[in-house]
Amino acid sequence: MSGARVNMQGNGPVDAVVFDVGRVLVQWDMRGALFARLIDDPEKLDWFCANVVTEQWHFAHDAGADLGELVAARKAEFPGHDDLIDAYATRFLETIPGNVPGSHEIVRELAARDVPLYAITNFASTFWREYRASEPLFDLFGDVVVSGDEKLVKPHAEIYELAARRFGHAPDAMLFIDDNADNIAGAAALGWQVHHFRDAETLRADLTARGLLG
């Protein structure tokens, strides 16, 4: 198969496949992969992950907030936890314990079939540069829109509109894959085709039904 323009009943043609990164291509677990190794007391671990270094707080960094300013403000708000807050800033790659099983194989198979590949990720700039340097899979991608670089985040419309301009395909000709229901809804509202990711096996079945994989 050359290119990606195929049809499936109930769906329009797909010219390109656009992936989310965290929890679609790579595992991400701040609590289990990093802080559970640093905090022995289960109750303290629960409290710390619910109140100090939370995913909601981290989202501000994904959205483009300065890491140094975030860390300094958090230390001031929660004195006595400096070492653990510093670990968030300096050991982020440890929160990525491995790849999502089966997803990288799908990416490579799509690339081998000349399907244009892109990504839109809520990922802090500093952490993305660290991770990207260690992961050659993204050499197969034509472009990656990173929230921290653009100071735009999913599920807001602006990041999808920017991606469509950058990628050079109409939204309704791209299949967007994300594990977050809000992100999927945000893309679908703008006319993108979408796949709500749960596991690689289900994704493979969808891509095969669309004719993108054999």
C-alpha atoms as a PDB file:
ATOM      1  CA  MET A   1       0.000   0.000   0.000  1.00  0.00           C
ATOM      2  CA  SER A   2       1.307   3.449  -0.883  1.00  0.00           C
ATOM      3  CA  GLY A   3      -0.041   6.466   0.977  1.00  0.00           C
ATOM      4  CA  ALA A   4      -3.034   6.469   3.288  1.00  0.00           C
ATOM      5  CA  ARG A   5      -6.085   7.599   1.313  1.00  0.00           C
ATOM      6  CA  VAL A   6      -8.582   4.840   1.975  1.00  0.00           C
ATOM      7  CA  ASN A   7     -12.293   4.633   2.627  1.00  0.00           C
ATOM      8  CA  MET A   8     -14.392   2.779   5.126  1.00  0.00           C
ATOM      9  CA  GLN A   9     -18.154   2.878   5.364  1.00  0.00           C
ATOM     10  CA  GLY A  10     -19.159   5.470   7.921  1.00  0.00           C
ATOM     11  CA  ASN A  11     -15.804   7.258   7.810  1.00  0.00           C
ATOM     12  CA  GLY A  12     -14.201   9.643   5.373  1.00  0.00           C
ATOM     13  CA  PRO A  13     -10.827   9.109   3.760  1.00  0.00           C
ATOM     14  CA  VAL A  14      -7.821   9.157   6.087  1.00  0.00           C
ATOM     15  CA  ASP A  15      -4.728  10.937   4.813  1.00  0.00           C
ATOM     16  CA  ALA A  16      -2.720  10.978   8.058  1.00  0.00           C
ATOM     17  CA  VAL A  17      -2.681   9.476  11.543  1.00  0.00           C
ATOM     18  CA  VAL A  18      -2.078  11.745  14.546  1.00  0.00           C
ATOM     19  CA  PHE A  19      -1.064  10.280  17.903  1.00  0.00           C
ATOM     20  CA  ASP A  20      -1.138  11.518  21.445  1.00  0.00           C
ATOM     21  CA  VAL A  21       2.070  10.531  23.284  1.00  0.00           C
ATOM     22  CA  GLY A  22       1.502   9.938  27.010  1.00  0.00           C
ATOM     23  CA  ARG A  23      -0.490   6.777  27.767  1.00  0.00           C
ATOM     24  CA  VAL A  24      -0.874   6.069  24.064  1.00  0.00           C
ATOM     25  CA  LEU A  25       2.741   5.578  22.986  1.00  0.00           C
ATOM     26  CA  VAL A  26       4.474   5.669  26.385  1.00  0.00           C
ATOM     27  CA  GLN A  27       3.430   4.853  29.915  1.00  0.00           C
ATOM     28  CA  TRP A  28       3.351   7.740  32.389  1.00  0.00           C
ATOM     29  CA  ASP A  29       3.048   7.293  36.141  1.00  0.00           C
ATOM     30  CA  MET A  30       4.426   9.960  38.474  1.00  0.00           C
ATOM     31  CA  ARG A  31       3.130   8.217  41.564  1.00  0.00           C
ATOM     32  CA  GLY A  32       4.124   4.617  40.952  1.00  0.00           C
ATOM     33  CA  ALA A  33       7.253   5.046  38.873  1.00  0.00           C
ATOM     34  CA  LEU A  34       8.880   7.847  40.872  1.00  0.00           C
ATOM     35  CA  PHE A  35       7.307   8.943  44.159  1.00  0.00           C
ATOM     36  CA  ALA A  36       6.452   5.466  45.445  1.00  0.00           C
ATOM     37  CA  ARG A  37      10.203   4.837  45.354  1.00  0.00           C
ATOM     38  CA  LEU A  38      10.925   7.991  47.363  1.00  0.00           C
ATOM     39  CA  ILE A  39       8.141   7.898  49.968  1.00  0.00           C
ATOM     40  CA  ASP A  40       7.933   4.781  52.163  1.00  0.00           C
ATOM     41  CA  ASP A  41       4.801   5.707  54.100  1.00  0.00           C
ATOM     42  CA  PRO A  42       1.667   4.843  52.045  1.00  0.00           C
ATOM     43  CA  GLU A  43      -0.408   7.545  53.731  1.00  0.00           C
ATOM     44  CA  LYS A  44       2.225  10.201  53.076  1.00  0.00           C
ATOM     45  CA  LEU A  45       2.485   9.010  49.467  1.00  0.00           C
ATOM     46  CA  ASP A  46      -1.269   9.328  49.046  1.00  0.00           C
ATOM     47  CA  TRP A  47      -1.275  12.802  50.560  1.00  0.00           C
ATOM     48  CA  PHE A  48       1.729  14.038  48.571  1.00  0.00           C
ATOM     49  CA  CYS A  49       0.371  12.856  45.213  1.00  0.00           C
ATOM     50  CA  ALA A  50      -3.087  14.242  45.979  1.00  0.00           C
ATOM     51  CA  ASN A  51      -1.927  17.649  47.209  1.00  0.00           C
ATOM     52  CA  VAL A  52       1.642  18.565  46.211  1.00  0.00           C
ATOM     53  CA  VAL A  53       2.861  17.084  42.924  1.00  0.00           C
ATOM     54  CA  THR A  54      -0.484  16.390  41.302  1.00  0.00           C
ATOM     55  CA  GLU A  55      -1.353  15.848  37.657  1.00  0.00           C
ATOM     56  CA  GLN A  56      -3.444  19.027  37.784  1.00  0.00           C
ATOM     57  CA  TRP A  57      -0.435  21.034  39.003  1.00  0.00           C
ATOM     58  CA  HIS A  58       1.799  19.371  36.406  1.00  0.00           C
ATOM     59  CA  PHE A  59      -0.703  20.404  33.711  1.00  0.00           C
ATOM     60  CA  ALA A  60       0.332  24.028  34.225  1.00  0.00           C
ATOM     61  CA  HIS A  61       3.853  23.039  33.169  1.00  0.00           C
ATOM     62  CA  ASP A  62       2.452  21.239  30.118  1.00  0.00           C
ATOM     63  CA  ALA A  63       0.644  24.484  29.293  1.00  0.00           C
ATOM     64  CA  GLY A  64       3.907  26.422  29.205  1.00  0.00           C
ATOM     65  CA  ALA A  65       4.417  27.676  32.761  1.00  0.00           C
ATOM     66  CA  ASP A  66       8.067  28.099  33.743  1.00  0.00           C
ATOM     67  CA  LEU A  67       9.445  25.093  35.631  1.00  0.00           C
ATOM     68  CA  GLY A  68      11.599  27.115  38.007  1.00  0.00           C
ATOM     69  CA  GLU A  69       8.720  29.396  38.950  1.00  0.00           C
ATOM     70  CA  LEU A  70       6.350  26.471  39.454  1.00  0.00           C
ATOM     71  CA  VAL A  71       8.806  24.621  41.669  1.00  0.00           C
ATOM     72  CA  ALA A  72       9.652  27.691  43.755  1.00  0.00           C
ATOM     73  CA  ALA A  73       5.977  28.473  44.325  1.00  0.00           C
ATOM     74  CA  ARG A  74       5.204  24.877  45.286  1.00  0.00           C
ATOM     75  CA  LYS A  75       8.068  24.773  47.776  1.00  0.00           C
ATOM     76  CA  ALA A  76       6.766  27.961  49.367  1.00  0.00           C
ATOM     77  CA  GLU A  77       3.257  26.531  49.558  1.00  0.00           C
ATOM     78  CA  PHE A  78       4.372  23.159  50.941  1.00  0.00           C
ATOM     79  CA  PRO A  79       7.510  23.709  53.052  1.00  0.00           C
ATOM     80  CA  GLY A  80       9.456  20.640  54.098  1.00  0.00           C
ATOM     81  CA  HIS A  81       9.036  18.810  50.788  1.00  0.00           C
ATOM     82  CA  ASP A  82      11.804  20.476  48.793  1.00  0.00           C
ATOM     83  CA  ASP A  83      13.660  17.272  47.898  1.00  0.00           C
ATOM     84  CA  LEU A  84      10.540  15.582  46.586  1.00  0.00           C
ATOM     85  CA  ILE A  85       9.461  18.626  44.575  1.00  0.00           C
ATOM     86  CA  ASP A  86      12.978  18.842  43.149  1.00  0.00           C
ATOM     87  CA  ALA A  87      12.669  15.190  42.108  1.00  0.00           C
ATOM     88  CA  TYR A  88       9.709  16.144  39.923  1.00  0.00           C
ATOM     89  CA  ALA A  89      11.899  18.713  38.174  1.00  0.00           C
ATOM     90  CA  THR A  90      15.055  16.640  37.790  1.00  0.00           C
ATOM     91  CA  ARG A  91      13.879  13.036  37.477  1.00  0.00           C
ATOM     92  CA  PHE A  92      10.913  13.313  35.143  1.00  0.00           C
ATOM     93  CA  LEU A  93      12.145  10.631  32.759  1.00  0.00           C
ATOM     94  CA  GLU A  94      11.728   8.147  35.592  1.00  0.00           C
ATOM     95  CA  THR A  95       7.973   8.791  35.454  1.00  0.00           C
ATOM     96  CA  ILE A  96       8.012   7.151  31.997  1.00  0.00           C
ATOM     97  CA  PRO A  97       8.604   3.500  32.923  1.00  0.00           C
ATOM     98  CA  GLY A  98       8.251   2.083  29.422  1.00  0.00           C
ATOM     99  CA  ASN A  99       6.307   1.997  26.196  1.00  0.00           C
ATOM    100  CA  VAL A 100       2.610   1.219  25.920  1.00  0.00           C
ATOM    101  CA  PRO A 101       2.604  -2.433  24.795  1.00  0.00           C
ATOM    102  CA  GLY A 102       2.048  -2.784  21.072  1.00  0.00           C
ATOM    103  CA  SER A 103       1.812   0.902  20.178  1.00  0.00           C
ATOM    104  CA  HIS A 104       5.326   1.397  18.822  1.00  0.00           C
ATOM    105  CA  GLU A 105       4.881  -1.603  16.557  1.00  0.00           C
ATOM    106  CA  ILE A 106       1.755   0.002  15.117  1.00  0.00           C
ATOM    107  CA  VAL A 107       3.630   3.239  14.436  1.00  0.00           C
ATOM    108  CA  ARG A 108       6.399   1.381  12.626  1.00  0.00           C
ATOM    109  CA  GLU A 109       3.916  -0.590  10.533  1.00  0.00           C
ATOM    110  CA  LEU A 110       2.078   2.574   9.526  1.00  0.00           C
ATOM    111  CA  ALA A 111       5.367   4.219   8.594  1.00  0.00           C
ATOM    112  CA  ALA A 112       6.331   1.197   6.500  1.00  0.00           C
ATOM    113  CA  ARG A 113       3.069   1.675   4.593  1.00  0.00           C
ATOM    114  CA  ASP A 114       3.915   5.340   3.927  1.00  0.00           C
ATOM    115  CA  VAL A 115       1.120   6.634   6.146  1.00  0.00           C
ATOM    116  CA  PRO A 116       1.964  10.208   7.202  1.00  0.00           C
ATOM    117  CA  LEU A 117       2.385  10.332  10.981  1.00  0.00           C
ATOM    118  CA  TYR A 118       2.093  13.268  13.373  1.00  0.00           C
ATOM    119  CA  ALA A 119       1.539  13.868  17.080  1.00  0.00           C
ATOM    120  CA  ILE A 120      -0.143  16.385  19.363  1.00  0.00           C
ATOM    121  CA  THR A 121       1.020  16.095  22.952  1.00  0.00           C
ATOM    122  CA  ASN A 122       0.428  17.910  26.221  1.00  0.00           C
ATOM    123  CA  PHE A 123       4.066  17.821  27.265  1.00  0.00           C
ATOM    124  CA  ALA A 124       6.244  20.414  29.007  1.00  0.00           C
ATOM    125  CA  SER A 125       8.998  21.781  26.767  1.00  0.00           C
ATOM    126  CA  THR A 126      11.905  20.892  29.050  1.00  0.00           C
ATOM    127  CA  PHE A 127      10.660  17.376  29.672  1.00  0.00           C
ATOM    128  CA  TRP A 128       9.831  16.837  25.999  1.00  0.00           C
ATOM    129  CA  ARG A 129      13.377  17.712  24.937  1.00  0.00           C
ATOM    130  CA  GLU A 130      14.763  15.226  27.468  1.00  0.00           C
ATOM    131  CA  TYR A 131      12.415  12.473  26.387  1.00  0.00           C
ATOM    132  CA  ARG A 132      12.649  13.133  22.639  1.00  0.00           C
ATOM    133  CA  ALA A 133      16.437  12.862  22.742  1.00  0.00           C
ATOM    134  CA  SER A 134      16.077   9.324  24.076  1.00  0.00           C
ATOM    135  CA  GLU A 135      13.348   8.089  21.719  1.00  0.00           C
ATOM    136  CA  PRO A 136      14.096   7.549  18.000  1.00  0.00           C
ATOM    137  CA  LEU A 137      10.506   6.497  17.239  1.00  0.00           C
ATOM    138  CA  PHE A 138       9.676  10.146  16.596  1.00  0.00           C
ATOM    139  CA  ASP A 139      12.082  10.204  13.674  1.00  0.00           C
ATOM    140  CA  LEU A 140       9.153   8.558  11.848  1.00  0.00           C
ATOM    141  CA  PHE A 141       6.868  11.534  12.525  1.00  0.00           C
ATOM    142  CA  GLY A 142       6.552  14.438  10.150  1.00  0.00           C
ATOM    143  CA  ASP A 143       5.876  16.892  12.971  1.00  0.00           C
ATOM    144  CA  VAL A 144       4.971  16.957  16.664  1.00  0.00           C
ATOM    145  CA  VAL A 145       2.955  19.796  18.210  1.00  0.00           C
ATOM    146  CA  VAL A 146       4.089  20.155  21.839  1.00  0.00           C
ATOM    147  CA  SER A 147       1.831  22.085  24.204  1.00  0.00           C
ATOM    148  CA  GLY A 148       4.675  23.494  26.269  1.00  0.00           C
ATOM    149  CA  ASP A 149       6.306  25.004  23.187  1.00  0.00           C
ATOM    150  CA  GLU A 150       3.095  26.510  21.844  1.00  0.00           C
ATOM    151  CA  LYS A 151       1.510  27.449  25.199  1.00  0.00           C
ATOM    152  CA  LEU A 152      -1.652  25.802  23.915  1.00  0.00           C
ATOM    153  CA  VAL A 153      -3.152  22.626  25.345  1.00  0.00           C
ATOM    154  CA  LYS A 154      -5.627  19.917  24.474  1.00  0.00           C
ATOM    155  CA  PRO A 155      -8.603  19.920  24.560  1.00  0.00           C
ATOM    156  CA  HIS A 156      -8.725  23.609  23.536  1.00  0.00           C
ATOM    157  CA  ALA A 157      -9.562  24.224  19.893  1.00  0.00           C
ATOM    158  CA  GLU A 158      -6.504  26.386  19.225  1.00  0.00           C
ATOM    159  CA  ILE A 159      -4.007  23.534  19.470  1.00  0.00           C
ATOM    160  CA  TYR A 160      -5.933  21.393  16.974  1.00  0.00           C
ATOM    161  CA  GLU A 161      -6.249  24.324  14.588  1.00  0.00           C
ATOM    162  CA  LEU A 162      -2.517  24.968  14.821  1.00  0.00           C
ATOM    163  CA  ALA A 163      -1.801  21.285  14.230  1.00  0.00           C
ATOM    164  CA  ALA A 164      -3.994  21.172  11.142  1.00  0.00           C
ATOM    165  CA  ARG A 165      -2.127  24.137   9.673  1.00  0.00           C
ATOM    166  CA  ARG A 166       1.257  22.631  10.526  1.00  0.00           C
ATOM    167  CA  PHE A 167       0.455  19.128   9.313  1.00  0.00           C
ATOM    168  CA  GLY A 168      -1.074  20.319   6.038  1.00  0.00           C
ATOM    169  CA  HIS A 169      -4.118  18.028   6.049  1.00  0.00           C
ATOM    170  CA  ALA A 170      -7.794  18.829   6.502  1.00  0.00           C
ATOM    171  CA  PRO A 171      -9.072  17.852   9.967  1.00  0.00           C
ATOM    172  CA  ASP A 172     -11.636  15.458   8.495  1.00  0.00           C
ATOM    173  CA  ALA A 173      -8.840  13.665   6.636  1.00  0.00           C
ATOM    174  CA  MET A 174      -6.851  12.976   9.820  1.00  0.00           C
ATOM    175  CA  LEU A 175      -7.414  10.282  12.445  1.00  0.00           C
ATOM    176  CA  PHE A 176      -6.572  11.537  15.940  1.00  0.00           C
ATOM    177  CA  ILE A 177      -5.773   8.962  18.640  1.00  0.00           C
ATOM    178  CA  ASP A 178      -5.860   9.929  22.329  1.00  0.00           C
ATOM    179  CA  ASP A 179      -6.598   8.207  25.642  1.00  0.00           C
ATOM    180  CA  ASN A 180      -8.359  11.254  27.126  1.00  0.00           C
ATOM    181  CA  ALA A 181     -12.084  11.535  26.385  1.00  0.00           C
ATOM    182  CA  ASP A 182     -12.033  15.343  26.623  1.00  0.00           C
ATOM    183  CA  ASN A 183      -9.207  15.546  24.093  1.00  0.00           C
ATOM    184  CA  ILE A 184     -11.089  13.250  21.740  1.00  0.00           C
ATOM    185  CA  ALA A 185     -14.229  15.356  22.079  1.00  0.00           C
ATOM    186  CA  GLY A 186     -12.260  18.540  21.418  1.00  0.00           C
ATOM    187  CA  ALA A 187     -10.867  17.168  18.170  1.00  0.00           C
ATOM    188  CA  ALA A 188     -14.171  15.650  17.046  1.00  0.00           C
ATOM    189  CA  ALA A 189     -15.929  18.993  17.556  1.00  0.00           C
ATOM    190  CA  LEU A 190     -13.579  20.457  14.945  1.00  0.00           C
ATOM    191  CA  GLY A 191     -14.258  17.702  12.432  1.00  0.00           C
ATOM    192  CA  TRP A 192     -11.336  15.367  13.088  1.00  0.00           C
ATOM    193  CA  GLN A 193     -11.833  11.623  12.860  1.00  0.00           C
ATOM    194  CA  VAL A 194     -11.009  10.142  16.257  1.00  0.00           C
ATOM    195  CA  HIS A 195     -10.108   6.949  18.085  1.00  0.00           C
ATOM    196  CA  HIS A 196     -10.458   6.868  21.883  1.00  0.00           C
ATOM    197  CA  PHE A 197      -7.406   4.801  22.815  1.00  0.00           C
ATOM    198  CA  ARG A 198      -7.715   1.986  25.335  1.00  0.00           C
ATOM    199  CA  ASP A 199      -5.105  -0.505  24.166  1.00  0.00           C
ATOM    200  CA  ALA A 200      -3.038  -1.298  21.104  1.00  0.00           C
ATOM    201  CA  GLU A 201      -5.117  -4.332  20.191  1.00  0.00           C
ATOM    202  CA  THR A 202      -8.290  -2.261  19.848  1.00  0.00           C
ATOM    203  CA  LEU A 203      -6.425   0.444  17.937  1.00  0.00           C
ATOM    204  CA  ARG A 204      -4.956  -2.130  15.561  1.00  0.00           C
ATOM    205  CA  ALA A 205      -8.437  -3.476  14.861  1.00  0.00           C
ATOM    206  CA  ASP A 206      -9.722   0.014  14.037  1.00  0.00           C
ATOM    207  CA  LEU A 207      -6.764   0.817  11.776  1.00  0.00           C
ATOM    208  CA  THR A 208      -7.161  -2.527  10.026  1.00  0.00           C
ATOM    209  CA  ALA A 209     -10.873  -1.916   9.478  1.00  0.00           C
ATOM    210  CA  ARG A 210     -10.012   1.444   7.945  1.00  0.00           C
ATOM    211  CA  GLY A 211      -7.527  -0.222   5.582  1.00  0.00           C
ATOM    212  CA  LEU A 212      -4.525   1.515   7.141  1.00  0.00           C
ATOM    213  CA  LEU A 213      -3.036  -1.764   8.386  1.00  0.00           C
ATOM    214  CA  GLY A 214      -3.212  -5.191   6.806  1.00  0.00           C
END
